[in-house]
Amino acid sequence: MTRQIINPDSLVKPIGFAHGVRAGEFVYLGGQTAMNAEGAIVDGGIVEQFVQAFSNVLTTLAAAGGQPSDLVDVTIYLTDVDDYQRNGREIGRRWRELAGIEYPAMAGIGVTQLWQREAMIEIQGVAHIAAPQEG
């Protein structure tokens, strides 16, 4: 099985990790916070941070040749689960705008802190991209 590192140019250059790794038909999407292209966490609250973090995940997925419907598993780490739940309707609306209505298996996990102290959310995932059919 081949292993391909996925580091889109539009995301901050990673040091000590990869944004994604494609192994065969699977893409492992490294945890993404709400970091913009300049390396800063975006301003705003949990909704704005969700949009940036999830967009970063989808950027990596696209660079690997995938699309949102290829996501099979997503884990969301949150420093404030209650805040996320209070904004759940808007976050759900933003998800549908970015990825449609085909939802993967998901988990939301409360944590005390993320790598960047100002980050409220980190999203990682796994996608399955079927090999092209020959014929």
N, C-alpha and C. Protein backbone atom coordinates (compact mmCIF):
# COMPACT_ATOMS: atom_id res chain seq x y z
N MET A 1 0.85 -1.17 0.00
CA MET A 1 0.00 0.00 0.00
C MET A 1 0.90 1.23 0.00
N THR A 2 0.54 2.19 -0.83
CA THR A 2 1.29 3.43 -0.87
C THR A 2 0.79 4.38 0.21
N ARG A 3 1.67 5.23 0.63
CA ARG A 3 1.37 6.23 1.66
C ARG A 3 1.76 7.59 1.09
N GLN A 4 0.80 8.51 1.07
CA GLN A 4 1.05 9.83 0.50
C GLN A 4 0.72 10.90 1.54
N ILE A 5 1.68 11.79 1.80
CA ILE A 5 1.46 12.90 2.71
C ILE A 5 0.69 13.99 1.97
N ILE A 6 -0.32 14.55 2.63
CA ILE A 6 -1.16 15.60 2.04
C ILE A 6 -1.00 16.87 2.86
N ASN A 7 -0.36 17.87 2.28
CA ASN A 7 -0.18 19.17 2.93
C ASN A 7 -0.53 20.27 1.94
N PRO A 8 -1.80 20.68 1.89
CA PRO A 8 -2.20 21.72 0.93
C PRO A 8 -1.44 23.03 1.15
N ASP A 9 -1.05 23.66 0.06
CA ASP A 9 -0.33 24.93 0.13
C ASP A 9 -1.15 26.05 0.78
N SER A 10 -2.47 25.95 0.72
CA SER A 10 -3.32 27.01 1.27
C SER A 10 -3.43 26.95 2.80
N LEU A 11 -2.95 25.87 3.41
CA LEU A 11 -2.94 25.77 4.87
C LEU A 11 -1.55 26.08 5.39
N VAL A 12 -1.47 26.41 6.66
CA VAL A 12 -0.18 26.70 7.29
C VAL A 12 0.73 25.49 7.11
N LYS A 13 2.00 25.76 6.81
CA LYS A 13 2.96 24.68 6.64
C LYS A 13 3.10 23.93 7.97
N PRO A 14 2.86 22.62 7.94
CA PRO A 14 2.95 21.86 9.19
C PRO A 14 4.40 21.60 9.59
N ILE A 15 4.63 21.60 10.87
CA ILE A 15 5.95 21.25 11.42
C ILE A 15 5.71 20.14 12.43
N GLY A 16 6.25 18.97 12.15
CA GLY A 16 6.12 17.85 13.06
C GLY A 16 4.84 17.05 12.91
N PHE A 17 4.05 17.32 11.88
CA PHE A 17 2.83 16.56 11.62
C PHE A 17 2.45 16.75 10.16
N ALA A 18 1.49 15.99 9.68
CA ALA A 18 0.94 16.16 8.34
C ALA A 18 -0.52 16.55 8.46
N HIS A 19 -1.00 17.39 7.55
CA HIS A 19 -2.43 17.72 7.54
C HIS A 19 -3.26 16.48 7.21
N GLY A 20 -2.71 15.61 6.37
CA GLY A 20 -3.40 14.39 6.03
C GLY A 20 -2.43 13.35 5.50
N VAL A 21 -2.87 12.11 5.54
CA VAL A 21 -2.09 11.01 4.99
C VAL A 21 -3.07 10.10 4.23
N ARG A 22 -2.77 9.89 2.96
CA ARG A 22 -3.57 8.95 2.18
C ARG A 22 -2.85 7.61 2.19
N ALA A 23 -3.57 6.59 2.59
CA ALA A 23 -3.05 5.22 2.62
C ALA A 23 -4.05 4.35 1.88
N GLY A 24 -3.72 4.01 0.64
CA GLY A 24 -4.66 3.26 -0.19
C GLY A 24 -5.90 4.09 -0.45
N GLU A 25 -7.05 3.54 -0.14
CA GLU A 25 -8.32 4.24 -0.38
C GLU A 25 -8.76 5.09 0.81
N PHE A 26 -7.95 5.14 1.86
CA PHE A 26 -8.32 5.90 3.05
C PHE A 26 -7.46 7.15 3.19
N VAL A 27 -8.09 8.22 3.67
CA VAL A 27 -7.39 9.46 3.97
C VAL A 27 -7.61 9.76 5.44
N TYR A 28 -6.51 9.89 6.17
CA TYR A 28 -6.56 10.22 7.59
C TYR A 28 -6.29 11.71 7.71
N LEU A 29 -7.27 12.43 8.19
CA LEU A 29 -7.24 13.89 8.23
C LEU A 29 -6.85 14.35 9.62
N GLY A 30 -5.66 14.93 9.72
CA GLY A 30 -5.13 15.37 11.00
C GLY A 30 -6.00 16.44 11.62
N GLY A 31 -5.94 16.56 12.93
CA GLY A 31 -6.74 17.54 13.65
C GLY A 31 -6.50 18.96 13.14
N GLN A 32 -7.59 19.66 12.88
CA GLN A 32 -7.54 21.03 12.40
C GLN A 32 -8.27 21.94 13.39
N THR A 33 -7.60 23.00 13.80
CA THR A 33 -8.24 24.03 14.59
C THR A 33 -8.68 25.14 13.64
N ALA A 34 -9.10 26.24 14.20
CA ALA A 34 -9.60 27.37 13.40
C ALA A 34 -8.46 28.28 12.94
N MET A 35 -7.34 27.68 12.58
CA MET A 35 -6.18 28.45 12.15
C MET A 35 -6.35 28.89 10.70
N ASN A 36 -6.13 30.18 10.47
CA ASN A 36 -6.22 30.69 9.10
C ASN A 36 -4.87 30.52 8.39
N ALA A 37 -4.79 30.97 7.15
CA ALA A 37 -3.58 30.78 6.34
C ALA A 37 -2.36 31.51 6.91
N GLU A 38 -2.60 32.50 7.76
CA GLU A 38 -1.49 33.24 8.39
C GLU A 38 -1.05 32.60 9.70
N GLY A 39 -1.71 31.55 10.11
CA GLY A 39 -1.32 30.85 11.34
C GLY A 39 -1.99 31.35 12.60
N ALA A 40 -3.01 32.19 12.46
CA ALA A 40 -3.73 32.72 13.62
C ALA A 40 -5.11 32.07 13.73
N ILE A 41 -5.59 31.89 14.94
CA ILE A 41 -6.95 31.41 15.16
C ILE A 41 -7.91 32.54 14.79
N VAL A 42 -8.94 32.23 14.01
CA VAL A 42 -9.87 33.25 13.54
C VAL A 42 -10.61 33.90 14.71
N ASP A 43 -10.98 35.16 14.51
CA ASP A 43 -11.78 35.88 15.49
C ASP A 43 -13.21 35.34 15.49
N GLY A 44 -13.90 35.57 16.57
CA GLY A 44 -15.29 35.16 16.67
C GLY A 44 -15.45 34.04 17.68
N GLY A 45 -16.62 33.47 17.68
CA GLY A 45 -16.94 32.42 18.64
C GLY A 45 -16.87 31.04 18.04
N ILE A 46 -17.60 30.13 18.64
CA ILE A 46 -17.54 28.73 18.25
C ILE A 46 -18.01 28.50 16.82
N VAL A 47 -19.00 29.25 16.35
CA VAL A 47 -19.48 29.05 14.97
C VAL A 47 -18.39 29.41 13.97
N GLU A 48 -17.75 30.55 14.16
CA GLU A 48 -16.68 30.97 13.25
C GLU A 48 -15.50 29.99 13.31
N GLN A 49 -15.20 29.53 14.52
CA GLN A 49 -14.11 28.57 14.65
C GLN A 49 -14.48 27.22 14.01
N PHE A 50 -15.73 26.80 14.16
CA PHE A 50 -16.15 25.57 13.50
C PHE A 50 -15.98 25.68 11.99
N VAL A 51 -16.46 26.77 11.41
CA VAL A 51 -16.37 26.94 9.96
C VAL A 51 -14.93 26.88 9.48
N GLN A 52 -14.02 27.56 10.17
CA GLN A 52 -12.62 27.56 9.75
C GLN A 52 -12.00 26.18 9.92
N ALA A 53 -12.21 25.56 11.07
CA ALA A 53 -11.62 24.24 11.32
C ALA A 53 -12.13 23.21 10.33
N PHE A 54 -13.45 23.19 10.10
CA PHE A 54 -14.02 22.20 9.18
C PHE A 54 -13.59 22.50 7.74
N SER A 55 -13.49 23.77 7.39
CA SER A 55 -13.00 24.13 6.06
C SER A 55 -11.56 23.64 5.87
N ASN A 56 -10.75 23.73 6.91
CA ASN A 56 -9.38 23.22 6.83
C ASN A 56 -9.37 21.71 6.59
N VAL A 57 -10.25 20.99 7.27
CA VAL A 57 -10.37 19.54 7.06
C VAL A 57 -10.76 19.26 5.61
N LEU A 58 -11.76 19.99 5.11
CA LEU A 58 -12.23 19.77 3.74
C LEU A 58 -11.19 20.16 2.70
N THR A 59 -10.38 21.17 2.99
CA THR A 59 -9.29 21.55 2.08
C THR A 59 -8.29 20.40 1.96
N THR A 60 -7.95 19.79 3.07
CA THR A 60 -7.03 18.65 3.05
C THR A 60 -7.65 17.48 2.30
N LEU A 61 -8.91 17.22 2.56
CA LEU A 61 -9.61 16.13 1.87
C LEU A 61 -9.62 16.36 0.36
N ALA A 62 -9.91 17.57 -0.07
CA ALA A 62 -9.92 17.88 -1.51
C ALA A 62 -8.54 17.70 -2.12
N ALA A 63 -7.50 18.09 -1.39
CA ALA A 63 -6.13 17.93 -1.90
C ALA A 63 -5.77 16.45 -2.06
N ALA A 64 -6.44 15.58 -1.33
CA ALA A 64 -6.21 14.14 -1.44
C ALA A 64 -7.09 13.52 -2.53
N GLY A 65 -7.93 14.34 -3.17
CA GLY A 65 -8.80 13.84 -4.22
C GLY A 65 -10.18 13.46 -3.76
N GLY A 66 -10.55 13.87 -2.55
CA GLY A 66 -11.84 13.50 -2.00
C GLY A 66 -12.83 14.65 -1.95
N GLN A 67 -14.01 14.33 -1.48
CA GLN A 67 -15.07 15.31 -1.31
C GLN A 67 -15.80 15.01 0.00
N PRO A 68 -16.60 15.95 0.48
CA PRO A 68 -17.24 15.76 1.80
C PRO A 68 -18.00 14.45 1.96
N SER A 69 -18.63 13.97 0.91
CA SER A 69 -19.39 12.72 1.02
C SER A 69 -18.49 11.50 1.24
N ASP A 70 -17.18 11.66 1.08
CA ASP A 70 -16.23 10.58 1.34
C ASP A 70 -15.90 10.42 2.82
N LEU A 71 -16.27 11.41 3.64
CA LEU A 71 -16.00 11.31 5.08
C LEU A 71 -16.75 10.12 5.68
N VAL A 72 -16.03 9.29 6.44
CA VAL A 72 -16.68 8.17 7.11
C VAL A 72 -16.66 8.31 8.62
N ASP A 73 -15.76 9.17 9.14
CA ASP A 73 -15.65 9.34 10.58
C ASP A 73 -15.11 10.73 10.87
N VAL A 74 -15.74 11.43 11.79
CA VAL A 74 -15.30 12.76 12.21
C VAL A 74 -15.34 12.82 13.73
N THR A 75 -14.26 13.33 14.30
CA THR A 75 -14.21 13.56 15.75
C THR A 75 -14.00 15.05 15.98
N ILE A 76 -14.84 15.61 16.85
CA ILE A 76 -14.78 17.03 17.18
C ILE A 76 -14.41 17.16 18.65
N TYR A 77 -13.30 17.83 18.91
CA TYR A 77 -12.83 18.10 20.27
C TYR A 77 -13.23 19.52 20.63
N LEU A 78 -13.83 19.70 21.80
CA LEU A 78 -14.39 20.99 22.20
C LEU A 78 -13.93 21.39 23.60
N THR A 79 -13.56 22.65 23.75
CA THR A 79 -13.22 23.12 25.08
C THR A 79 -14.46 23.56 25.87
N ASP A 80 -15.60 23.73 25.17
CA ASP A 80 -16.84 24.12 25.84
C ASP A 80 -18.01 23.45 25.12
N VAL A 81 -18.36 22.26 25.57
CA VAL A 81 -19.43 21.49 24.95
C VAL A 81 -20.75 22.25 25.01
N ASP A 82 -21.02 22.92 26.13
CA ASP A 82 -22.28 23.66 26.27
C ASP A 82 -22.39 24.75 25.21
N ASP A 83 -21.31 25.47 24.95
CA ASP A 83 -21.31 26.52 23.93
C ASP A 83 -21.61 25.93 22.56
N TYR A 84 -21.00 24.82 22.25
CA TYR A 84 -21.24 24.13 20.97
C TYR A 84 -22.72 23.75 20.86
N GLN A 85 -23.28 23.18 21.93
CA GLN A 85 -24.68 22.77 21.91
C GLN A 85 -25.61 23.96 21.77
N ARG A 86 -25.30 25.08 22.44
CA ARG A 86 -26.13 26.29 22.32
C ARG A 86 -26.15 26.79 20.88
N ASN A 87 -25.09 26.57 20.15
CA ASN A 87 -24.97 27.03 18.77
C ASN A 87 -25.16 25.91 17.76
N GLY A 88 -25.73 24.79 18.21
CA GLY A 88 -25.86 23.61 17.38
C GLY A 88 -26.63 23.81 16.10
N ARG A 89 -27.72 24.56 16.14
CA ARG A 89 -28.51 24.78 14.91
C ARG A 89 -27.70 25.52 13.85
N GLU A 90 -27.00 26.56 14.26
CA GLU A 90 -26.19 27.33 13.31
C GLU A 90 -25.00 26.50 12.82
N ILE A 91 -24.38 25.75 13.69
CA ILE A 91 -23.27 24.89 13.28
C ILE A 91 -23.78 23.84 12.30
N GLY A 92 -24.94 23.26 12.57
CA GLY A 92 -25.54 22.29 11.64
C GLY A 92 -25.81 22.91 10.28
N ARG A 93 -26.32 24.14 10.28
CA ARG A 93 -26.58 24.84 9.01
C ARG A 93 -25.28 25.04 8.25
N ARG A 94 -24.23 25.44 8.95
CA ARG A 94 -22.93 25.66 8.31
C ARG A 94 -22.36 24.35 7.78
N TRP A 95 -22.54 23.25 8.54
CA TRP A 95 -22.08 21.94 8.07
C TRP A 95 -22.74 21.63 6.72
N ARG A 96 -24.07 21.80 6.66
CA ARG A 96 -24.79 21.48 5.43
C ARG A 96 -24.33 22.35 4.27
N GLU A 97 -24.02 23.62 4.52
CA GLU A 97 -23.49 24.49 3.47
C GLU A 97 -22.15 23.98 2.95
N LEU A 98 -21.31 23.51 3.84
CA LEU A 98 -19.96 23.07 3.48
C LEU A 98 -19.90 21.63 2.96
N ALA A 99 -20.75 20.76 3.51
CA ALA A 99 -20.57 19.33 3.24
C ALA A 99 -21.84 18.59 2.81
N GLY A 100 -22.97 19.25 2.80
CA GLY A 100 -24.19 18.55 2.41
C GLY A 100 -24.81 17.82 3.59
N ILE A 101 -25.67 16.86 3.26
CA ILE A 101 -26.44 16.18 4.31
C ILE A 101 -26.06 14.71 4.49
N GLU A 102 -24.99 14.27 3.85
CA GLU A 102 -24.49 12.91 4.07
C GLU A 102 -23.53 12.96 5.25
N TYR A 103 -24.02 12.57 6.42
CA TYR A 103 -23.22 12.68 7.63
C TYR A 103 -22.41 11.41 7.87
N PRO A 104 -21.17 11.57 8.32
CA PRO A 104 -20.37 10.41 8.70
C PRO A 104 -20.68 9.99 10.14
N ALA A 105 -20.05 8.92 10.58
CA ALA A 105 -20.06 8.60 12.00
C ALA A 105 -19.33 9.74 12.70
N MET A 106 -19.83 10.16 13.86
CA MET A 106 -19.24 11.32 14.52
C MET A 106 -19.17 11.13 16.03
N ALA A 107 -18.23 11.85 16.62
CA ALA A 107 -18.12 11.92 18.08
C ALA A 107 -17.76 13.35 18.45
N GLY A 108 -18.31 13.83 19.54
CA GLY A 108 -17.93 15.12 20.12
C GLY A 108 -17.35 14.85 21.50
N ILE A 109 -16.17 15.38 21.74
CA ILE A 109 -15.47 15.09 22.99
C ILE A 109 -15.06 16.39 23.66
N GLY A 110 -15.44 16.55 24.91
CA GLY A 110 -15.03 17.72 25.69
C GLY A 110 -13.61 17.54 26.20
N VAL A 111 -12.80 18.58 26.05
CA VAL A 111 -11.41 18.57 26.52
C VAL A 111 -11.15 19.85 27.31
N THR A 112 -10.12 19.86 28.09
CA THR A 112 -9.81 21.05 28.89
C THR A 112 -9.05 22.09 28.10
N GLN A 113 -8.27 21.67 27.11
CA GLN A 113 -7.45 22.62 26.37
C GLN A 113 -7.00 21.99 25.06
N LEU A 114 -6.81 22.83 24.03
CA LEU A 114 -6.25 22.39 22.76
C LEU A 114 -4.86 22.98 22.60
N TRP A 115 -4.14 22.57 21.55
CA TRP A 115 -2.75 22.99 21.36
C TRP A 115 -2.61 24.50 21.36
N GLN A 116 -3.45 25.19 20.58
CA GLN A 116 -3.46 26.66 20.62
C GLN A 116 -4.48 27.06 21.68
N ARG A 117 -4.04 27.78 22.68
CA ARG A 117 -4.91 28.11 23.82
C ARG A 117 -6.20 28.82 23.42
N GLU A 118 -6.17 29.63 22.37
CA GLU A 118 -7.37 30.37 21.96
C GLU A 118 -8.32 29.53 21.11
N ALA A 119 -7.89 28.32 20.72
CA ALA A 119 -8.75 27.42 19.94
C ALA A 119 -9.83 26.81 20.84
N MET A 120 -11.06 26.81 20.34
CA MET A 120 -12.18 26.22 21.06
C MET A 120 -12.59 24.88 20.49
N ILE A 121 -12.07 24.56 19.28
CA ILE A 121 -12.50 23.36 18.57
C ILE A 121 -11.35 22.81 17.75
N GLU A 122 -11.31 21.49 17.64
CA GLU A 122 -10.38 20.81 16.75
C GLU A 122 -11.15 19.66 16.12
N ILE A 123 -10.99 19.51 14.81
CA ILE A 123 -11.74 18.49 14.07
C ILE A 123 -10.76 17.60 13.32
N GLN A 124 -10.95 16.30 13.46
CA GLN A 124 -10.16 15.34 12.67
C GLN A 124 -11.11 14.35 12.03
N GLY A 125 -10.65 13.65 11.02
CA GLY A 125 -11.54 12.72 10.35
C GLY A 125 -10.82 11.65 9.57
N VAL A 126 -11.63 10.76 9.04
CA VAL A 126 -11.18 9.71 8.14
C VAL A 126 -12.13 9.69 6.97
N ALA A 127 -11.57 9.56 5.77
CA ALA A 127 -12.38 9.48 4.56
C ALA A 127 -12.00 8.23 3.78
N HIS A 128 -12.95 7.73 3.02
CA HIS A 128 -12.70 6.60 2.13
C HIS A 128 -12.96 7.09 0.71
N ILE A 129 -11.93 7.01 -0.10
CA ILE A 129 -12.03 7.42 -1.50
C ILE A 129 -11.83 6.16 -2.34
N ALA A 130 -12.92 5.70 -2.93
CA ALA A 130 -12.86 4.47 -3.72
C ALA A 130 -11.93 4.63 -4.91
N ALA A 131 -11.23 3.57 -5.24
CA ALA A 131 -10.37 3.58 -6.41
C ALA A 131 -11.23 3.73 -7.65
N PRO A 132 -10.75 4.46 -8.66
CA PRO A 132 -11.53 4.61 -9.90
C PRO A 132 -11.83 3.24 -10.53
N GLN A 133 -13.01 3.11 -11.06
CA GLN A 133 -13.40 1.87 -11.72
C GLN A 133 -12.74 1.79 -13.09
N GLU A 134 -12.17 0.66 -13.39
CA GLU A 134 -11.54 0.48 -14.71
C GLU A 134 -12.59 -0.10 -15.65
N GLY A 135 -12.47 0.29 -16.90
CA GLY A 135 -13.38 -0.36 -17.82
C GLY A 135 -13.78 0.50 -18.88
